[in-house]
Amino acid sequence: MPDTILIKIRLIQLKREIKLLGPVYSPLIILLLIFFDYKLFVLYSSPVYALYCTALTVSAILSVQLIRRDKSFVFLHLENAWRKIFLEYTVLTLPVIIPSVFSPYPYLILVILILYALIARVKHVFLKRTRMGFLGKIISPVNFEWLSGVRKHSIIFAFLYAVTLSVSGIIILPLLCLWLITVLLMGFYRECEPLNMLNPCDVNAYRLLNKKIIRHSALLACVYLPILIINSIFNPALIIFNIVFLVVQITVLTLAILFKYRLYTPGDMLHGNEIYLVFIQVFTILPFIMGGIPFLLPLPLFLCVKYYREAENNLNDYLYA
């Protein structure tokens, strides 16, 4: 198979998303991404921000590589799989890479590509664990995505949270760590539950979505608030900053839920959704953390409004079948 096979698959998925967005929303998002590239170019003029942007981009790709579920299949069935993965990541992050080419530090693109090549060779998959029965007493079974996700990724989740706690008094570092935890959480919504688990409370699609969004937002707030409170105590000037960060993460979590249910098919696996969510995260939060103008902060909320109706309509097909 050609080295571009994974890119072709992503392009097919991207065309589907653009088609679903429609002729009004698609150009608007494209214009926002062009503006994002311009502002990113401005950030790259600073050596500190240039390093931050590079580190955040590479961290995002590493997170995707560690949690992607098609990795075993790709390495098993595709020749020179690492090259195909490398090209996939390079093309997907072109909006972030291109500004570095025209910045005062074009050598950073070499650093990014070398690290991509190393990351693309990572075959390790975190072992799924079904122990930790005590989690059922902390996380209600009705929140099965979180219960299953934390159990499956208990080692990396515990490690990331411990690291985040240890640096919670530093200005920006805990936000970057929480951002990586959000990337991990996106993988919780990859698997569609069986139809008999979809609506145990026998409510309509509107109430089902709202209840799930509220419950899961509360869970995320319980996980993130201790870190953000500590960070705000040590850095009082960042209180508003931390509040906005939490709101953005809740919005992205809501988007993950809506992404899942707009494409919901009982028992299906939604491969690739978390990759798009990671890049939405990068485009949204990167300028915010780097101290630039947070011009794309409304993007997740904008997409939530767009996809809510689609998710509701799709669920109605199953709830009233």
Protein backbone atom coordinates (compact mmCIF):
# COMPACT_ATOMS: atom_id res chain seq x y z
CA MET A 1 0.00 0.00 0.00
CA PRO A 2 1.23 3.56 -0.67
CA ASP A 3 2.60 5.60 2.22
CA THR A 4 -0.31 8.01 1.78
CA ILE A 5 -3.01 5.44 2.62
CA LEU A 6 -3.69 6.86 6.12
CA ILE A 7 -3.79 10.39 4.73
CA LYS A 8 -6.40 9.31 2.16
CA ILE A 9 -8.53 7.82 4.96
CA ARG A 10 -8.31 11.07 6.96
CA LEU A 11 -9.21 13.10 3.85
CA ILE A 12 -12.31 10.96 3.33
CA GLN A 13 -13.28 11.57 6.97
CA LEU A 14 -12.55 15.28 6.59
CA LYS A 15 -14.71 15.54 3.45
CA ARG A 16 -17.54 13.86 5.36
CA GLU A 17 -17.20 16.39 8.20
CA ILE A 18 -17.14 19.34 5.78
CA LYS A 19 -20.23 17.99 4.04
CA LEU A 20 -22.04 17.62 7.36
CA LEU A 21 -21.09 21.17 8.38
CA GLY A 22 -22.74 22.56 5.26
CA PRO A 23 -21.91 25.48 2.92
CA VAL A 24 -22.31 28.18 5.58
CA TYR A 25 -20.29 26.78 8.48
CA SER A 26 -17.43 25.20 6.49
CA PRO A 27 -16.04 28.46 4.98
CA LEU A 28 -16.34 30.13 8.37
CA ILE A 29 -14.20 27.45 10.05
CA ILE A 30 -11.67 27.60 7.19
CA LEU A 31 -11.38 31.37 7.67
CA LEU A 32 -10.89 30.87 11.41
CA LEU A 33 -8.08 28.37 10.73
CA ILE A 34 -6.37 30.82 8.35
CA PHE A 35 -6.58 33.46 11.05
CA PHE A 36 -5.20 30.89 13.51
CA ASP A 37 -2.17 30.37 11.25
CA TYR A 38 -1.57 34.11 11.09
CA LYS A 39 -1.71 34.51 14.87
CA LEU A 40 0.49 31.43 15.30
CA PHE A 41 3.07 33.03 13.00
CA VAL A 42 3.04 36.07 15.30
CA LEU A 43 3.62 33.81 18.33
CA TYR A 44 6.52 32.09 16.57
CA SER A 45 8.38 35.42 16.45
CA SER A 46 9.14 34.95 20.16
CA PRO A 47 11.75 32.26 20.99
CA VAL A 48 9.94 31.27 24.20
CA TYR A 49 6.54 30.94 22.52
CA ALA A 50 8.12 29.16 19.56
CA LEU A 51 9.48 26.50 21.91
CA TYR A 52 6.15 26.27 23.74
CA CYS A 53 4.26 25.81 20.45
CA THR A 54 6.70 23.12 19.33
CA ALA A 55 6.51 21.28 22.67
CA LEU A 56 2.70 21.42 22.74
CA THR A 57 2.39 20.17 19.16
CA VAL A 58 4.76 17.26 19.74
CA SER A 59 3.03 16.43 23.05
CA ALA A 60 -0.33 16.31 21.27
CA ILE A 61 1.02 13.90 18.65
CA LEU A 62 2.64 11.71 21.31
CA SER A 63 -0.67 11.57 23.20
CA VAL A 64 -2.52 10.53 20.04
CA GLN A 65 0.05 7.83 19.28
CA LEU A 66 -0.20 6.39 22.79
CA ILE A 67 -3.99 6.17 22.84
CA ARG A 68 -4.90 5.40 19.22
CA ARG A 69 -6.57 1.99 19.00
CA ASP A 70 -5.81 1.23 15.34
CA LYS A 71 -2.07 1.20 16.02
CA SER A 72 -1.73 -2.58 16.40
CA PHE A 73 -3.64 -3.16 13.16
CA VAL A 74 -1.54 -0.61 11.24
CA PHE A 75 1.78 -2.08 12.38
CA LEU A 76 0.59 -5.64 11.76
CA HIS A 77 -0.89 -5.22 8.28
CA LEU A 78 0.87 -2.24 6.66
CA GLU A 79 4.42 -2.33 5.37
CA ASN A 80 6.67 0.44 6.73
CA ALA A 81 3.79 1.46 8.99
CA TRP A 82 5.86 4.08 10.80
CA ARG A 83 6.34 6.02 7.54
CA LYS A 84 2.59 6.07 6.89
CA ILE A 85 1.92 7.27 10.46
CA PHE A 86 4.69 9.87 10.15
CA LEU A 87 3.17 11.29 6.95
CA GLU A 88 -0.29 11.28 8.53
CA TYR A 89 0.86 13.34 11.51
CA THR A 90 2.87 15.70 9.30
CA VAL A 91 -0.07 16.46 7.00
CA LEU A 92 -2.57 16.80 9.88
CA THR A 93 -0.36 19.33 11.67
CA LEU A 94 0.53 21.43 8.61
CA PRO A 95 -1.46 24.40 10.00
CA VAL A 96 0.95 24.38 12.96
CA ILE A 97 4.11 23.48 11.02
CA ILE A 98 3.80 26.01 8.18
CA PRO A 99 4.10 29.13 10.42
CA SER A 100 7.39 27.78 11.81
CA VAL A 101 8.86 27.64 8.27
CA PHE A 102 8.44 31.41 7.87
CA SER A 103 9.42 32.25 11.45
CA PRO A 104 12.87 33.37 12.66
CA TYR A 105 13.38 29.76 13.82
CA PRO A 106 12.73 27.55 10.75
CA TYR A 107 14.99 24.85 12.18
CA LEU A 108 12.14 23.99 14.57
CA ILE A 109 10.39 22.19 11.72
CA LEU A 110 13.35 19.80 11.62
CA VAL A 111 12.99 19.19 15.35
CA ILE A 112 9.26 18.53 14.92
CA LEU A 113 9.77 16.12 12.01
CA ILE A 114 12.53 14.18 13.77
CA LEU A 115 10.36 13.80 16.86
CA TYR A 116 7.40 12.78 14.68
CA ALA A 117 9.55 10.07 13.11
CA LEU A 118 10.48 8.75 16.56
CA ILE A 119 6.89 8.93 17.85
CA ALA A 120 5.60 7.13 14.73
CA ARG A 121 7.72 4.12 15.72
CA VAL A 122 6.12 3.79 19.16
CA LYS A 123 4.16 0.53 19.14
CA HIS A 124 3.40 0.31 22.84
CA VAL A 125 -0.25 0.05 23.80
CA PHE A 126 -1.18 0.63 27.43
CA LEU A 127 -2.57 -2.60 28.80
CA LYS A 128 -6.26 -2.65 29.58
CA ARG A 129 -6.96 -3.39 33.20
CA THR A 130 -10.31 -4.51 34.54
CA ARG A 131 -9.33 -4.45 38.19
CA MET A 132 -9.76 -1.45 40.49
CA GLY A 133 -13.26 -2.54 41.52
CA PHE A 134 -13.36 0.29 44.07
CA LEU A 135 -13.82 2.74 41.18
CA GLY A 136 -17.44 1.59 40.97
CA LYS A 137 -17.99 3.18 44.40
CA ILE A 138 -16.47 6.49 43.24
CA ILE A 139 -17.77 6.66 39.67
CA SER A 140 -21.39 5.63 39.17
CA PRO A 141 -21.96 2.81 36.65
CA VAL A 142 -24.27 5.19 34.76
CA ASN A 143 -21.07 7.06 33.81
CA PHE A 144 -19.74 3.89 32.18
CA GLU A 145 -17.50 5.76 29.70
CA TRP A 146 -15.45 7.19 32.58
CA LEU A 147 -15.57 4.01 34.64
CA SER A 148 -14.34 1.88 31.74
CA GLY A 149 -11.85 4.49 30.51
CA VAL A 150 -10.17 5.04 33.87
CA ARG A 151 -9.89 1.29 34.42
CA LYS A 152 -8.39 0.71 30.97
CA HIS A 153 -5.91 3.58 31.25
CA SER A 154 -5.39 3.51 35.02
CA ILE A 155 -1.57 3.65 34.87
CA ILE A 156 -1.23 6.60 32.50
CA PHE A 157 -4.19 8.43 34.11
CA ALA A 158 -2.73 8.07 37.61
CA PHE A 159 0.75 9.07 36.38
CA LEU A 160 -0.50 12.20 34.57
CA TYR A 161 -2.63 13.28 37.51
CA ALA A 162 0.21 12.75 40.00
CA VAL A 163 2.55 14.82 37.81
CA THR A 164 -0.10 17.53 37.46
CA LEU A 165 -0.59 17.68 41.24
CA SER A 166 3.15 17.93 41.79
CA VAL A 167 3.44 20.98 39.50
CA SER A 168 0.08 22.57 40.35
CA GLY A 169 1.68 25.66 41.90
CA ILE A 170 3.63 26.57 38.74
CA ILE A 171 2.16 29.20 36.42
CA ILE A 172 1.34 27.36 33.15
CA LEU A 173 2.68 23.82 33.50
CA PRO A 174 -0.39 22.30 35.26
CA LEU A 175 -2.64 23.60 32.47
CA LEU A 176 -0.51 21.78 29.90
CA CYS A 177 -0.75 18.61 32.02
CA LEU A 178 -4.53 18.96 32.36
CA TRP A 179 -4.71 19.47 28.61
CA LEU A 180 -2.96 16.10 28.15
CA ILE A 181 -5.47 14.51 30.54
CA THR A 182 -8.29 15.93 28.40
CA VAL A 183 -6.67 14.30 25.37
CA LEU A 184 -6.79 10.98 27.26
CA LEU A 185 -10.45 11.55 28.17
CA MET A 186 -11.37 11.94 24.51
CA GLY A 187 -10.60 8.26 24.04
CA PHE A 188 -13.31 7.35 26.56
CA TYR A 189 -15.96 8.21 23.95
CA ARG A 190 -14.60 6.03 21.16
CA GLU A 191 -16.81 3.00 21.81
CA CYS A 192 -20.59 3.02 21.29
CA GLU A 193 -22.50 1.18 24.00
CA PRO A 194 -25.00 -1.59 23.12
CA LEU A 195 -28.57 -0.48 22.54
CA ASN A 196 -29.79 -1.93 25.86
CA MET A 197 -27.33 0.36 27.71
CA LEU A 198 -28.16 3.47 25.72
CA ASN A 199 -31.20 4.66 27.65
CA PRO A 200 -31.61 2.90 31.01
CA CYS A 201 -33.68 5.79 32.41
CA ASP A 202 -36.11 5.70 29.46
CA VAL A 203 -35.93 9.41 28.62
CA ASN A 204 -36.02 11.22 25.29
CA ALA A 205 -32.87 12.09 23.33
CA TYR A 206 -32.84 15.71 24.57
CA ARG A 207 -32.85 14.69 28.25
CA LEU A 208 -30.41 11.82 27.63
CA LEU A 209 -27.83 14.14 26.09
CA ASN A 210 -28.32 16.87 28.69
CA LYS A 211 -28.04 14.46 31.64
CA LYS A 212 -24.87 12.88 30.24
CA ILE A 213 -23.28 16.26 29.50
CA ILE A 214 -24.07 17.56 33.02
CA ARG A 215 -22.84 14.38 34.79
CA HIS A 216 -19.63 14.13 32.81
CA SER A 217 -18.92 17.86 33.11
CA ALA A 218 -19.29 17.49 36.90
CA LEU A 219 -16.81 14.59 36.85
CA LEU A 220 -14.31 16.63 34.86
CA ALA A 221 -14.74 19.59 37.22
CA CYS A 222 -14.11 17.33 40.24
CA VAL A 223 -10.87 16.12 38.66
CA TYR A 224 -9.62 19.52 37.48
CA LEU A 225 -10.77 21.89 40.24
CA PRO A 226 -8.23 20.80 42.92
CA ILE A 227 -5.39 21.53 40.48
CA LEU A 228 -6.83 24.84 39.31
CA ILE A 229 -7.61 25.98 42.88
CA ILE A 230 -4.04 25.28 44.00
CA ASN A 231 -2.71 27.05 40.89
CA SER A 232 -4.96 30.05 41.59
CA ILE A 233 -3.79 30.24 45.22
CA PHE A 234 -0.13 30.37 44.16
CA ASN A 235 -0.89 32.60 41.15
CA PRO A 236 -3.86 34.89 41.99
CA ALA A 237 -3.48 36.76 38.70
CA LEU A 238 -4.49 33.56 36.86
CA ILE A 239 -7.89 33.03 38.52
CA ILE A 240 -9.90 34.25 35.51
CA PHE A 241 -7.48 32.45 33.20
CA ASN A 242 -8.06 29.16 35.05
CA ILE A 243 -11.85 29.59 35.03
CA VAL A 244 -11.84 30.13 31.26
CA PHE A 245 -9.56 27.11 30.83
CA LEU A 246 -11.99 24.91 32.78
CA VAL A 247 -14.96 26.16 30.75
CA VAL A 248 -13.10 25.37 27.51
CA GLN A 249 -12.25 21.84 28.68
CA ILE A 250 -15.90 21.21 29.64
CA THR A 251 -16.96 22.48 26.21
CA VAL A 252 -14.49 20.15 24.48
CA LEU A 253 -15.76 17.25 26.62
CA THR A 254 -19.31 18.12 25.55
CA LEU A 255 -18.14 18.12 21.94
CA ALA A 256 -16.67 14.62 22.42
CA ILE A 257 -20.06 13.39 23.68
CA LEU A 258 -21.89 14.98 20.75
CA PHE A 259 -19.32 13.60 18.27
CA LYS A 260 -20.03 10.15 19.64
CA TYR A 261 -23.82 10.32 19.48
CA ARG A 262 -24.12 12.05 16.13
CA LEU A 263 -22.42 8.96 14.65
CA TYR A 264 -23.73 6.45 17.19
CA THR A 265 -24.31 2.88 16.02
CA PRO A 266 -24.79 0.23 18.75
CA GLY A 267 -21.54 -1.60 19.49
CA ASP A 268 -19.54 0.37 16.92
CA MET A 269 -16.01 1.77 17.38
CA LEU A 270 -15.55 5.38 16.26
CA HIS A 271 -11.90 5.37 15.22
CA GLY A 272 -10.33 8.74 14.47
CA ASN A 273 -12.76 10.96 16.37
CA GLU A 274 -10.26 11.70 19.12
CA ILE A 275 -7.68 12.82 16.55
CA TYR A 276 -9.99 15.58 15.33
CA LEU A 277 -10.81 16.53 18.92
CA VAL A 278 -7.10 16.79 19.77
CA PHE A 279 -6.53 19.21 16.91
CA ILE A 280 -9.60 21.25 17.85
CA GLN A 281 -8.01 21.42 21.31
CA VAL A 282 -4.69 22.59 19.83
CA PHE A 283 -6.30 25.27 17.66
CA THR A 284 -8.43 26.47 20.57
CA ILE A 285 -6.14 26.42 23.56
CA LEU A 286 -2.66 27.02 22.08
CA PRO A 287 -2.92 30.82 21.65
CA PHE A 288 -4.73 31.02 25.02
CA ILE A 289 -1.91 29.27 26.93
CA MET A 290 0.79 31.08 24.97
CA GLY A 291 -0.63 34.45 26.01
CA GLY A 292 -1.95 35.38 22.57
CA ILE A 293 -5.46 36.48 21.64
CA PRO A 294 -7.82 33.54 22.27
CA PHE A 295 -9.61 34.11 18.95
CA LEU A 296 -10.65 30.46 18.56
CA LEU A 297 -11.99 29.92 22.08
CA PRO A 298 -15.60 29.90 20.76
CA LEU A 299 -14.82 27.14 18.21
CA PRO A 300 -15.75 24.13 20.41
CA LEU A 301 -18.95 25.88 21.56
CA PHE A 302 -19.79 26.75 17.96
CA LEU A 303 -19.35 23.09 16.95
CA CYS A 304 -21.41 21.93 19.97
CA VAL A 305 -24.36 24.04 18.80
CA LYS A 306 -23.94 22.65 15.29
CA TYR A 307 -23.66 18.98 16.31
CA TYR A 308 -26.22 18.91 19.14
CA ARG A 309 -29.19 18.68 16.78
CA GLU A 310 -27.46 16.01 14.69
CA ALA A 311 -26.74 13.92 17.81
CA GLU A 312 -30.33 14.31 19.02
CA ASN A 313 -31.78 13.29 15.64
CA ASN A 314 -29.47 10.28 15.40
CA LEU A 315 -30.43 9.09 18.90
CA ASN A 316 -34.13 9.48 18.10
CA ASP A 317 -33.70 6.88 15.36
CA TYR A 318 -32.74 4.34 18.05
CA LEU A 319 -34.90 5.47 20.94
CA TYR A 320 -38.11 5.40 18.93
CA ALA A 321 -37.27 2.57 16.53
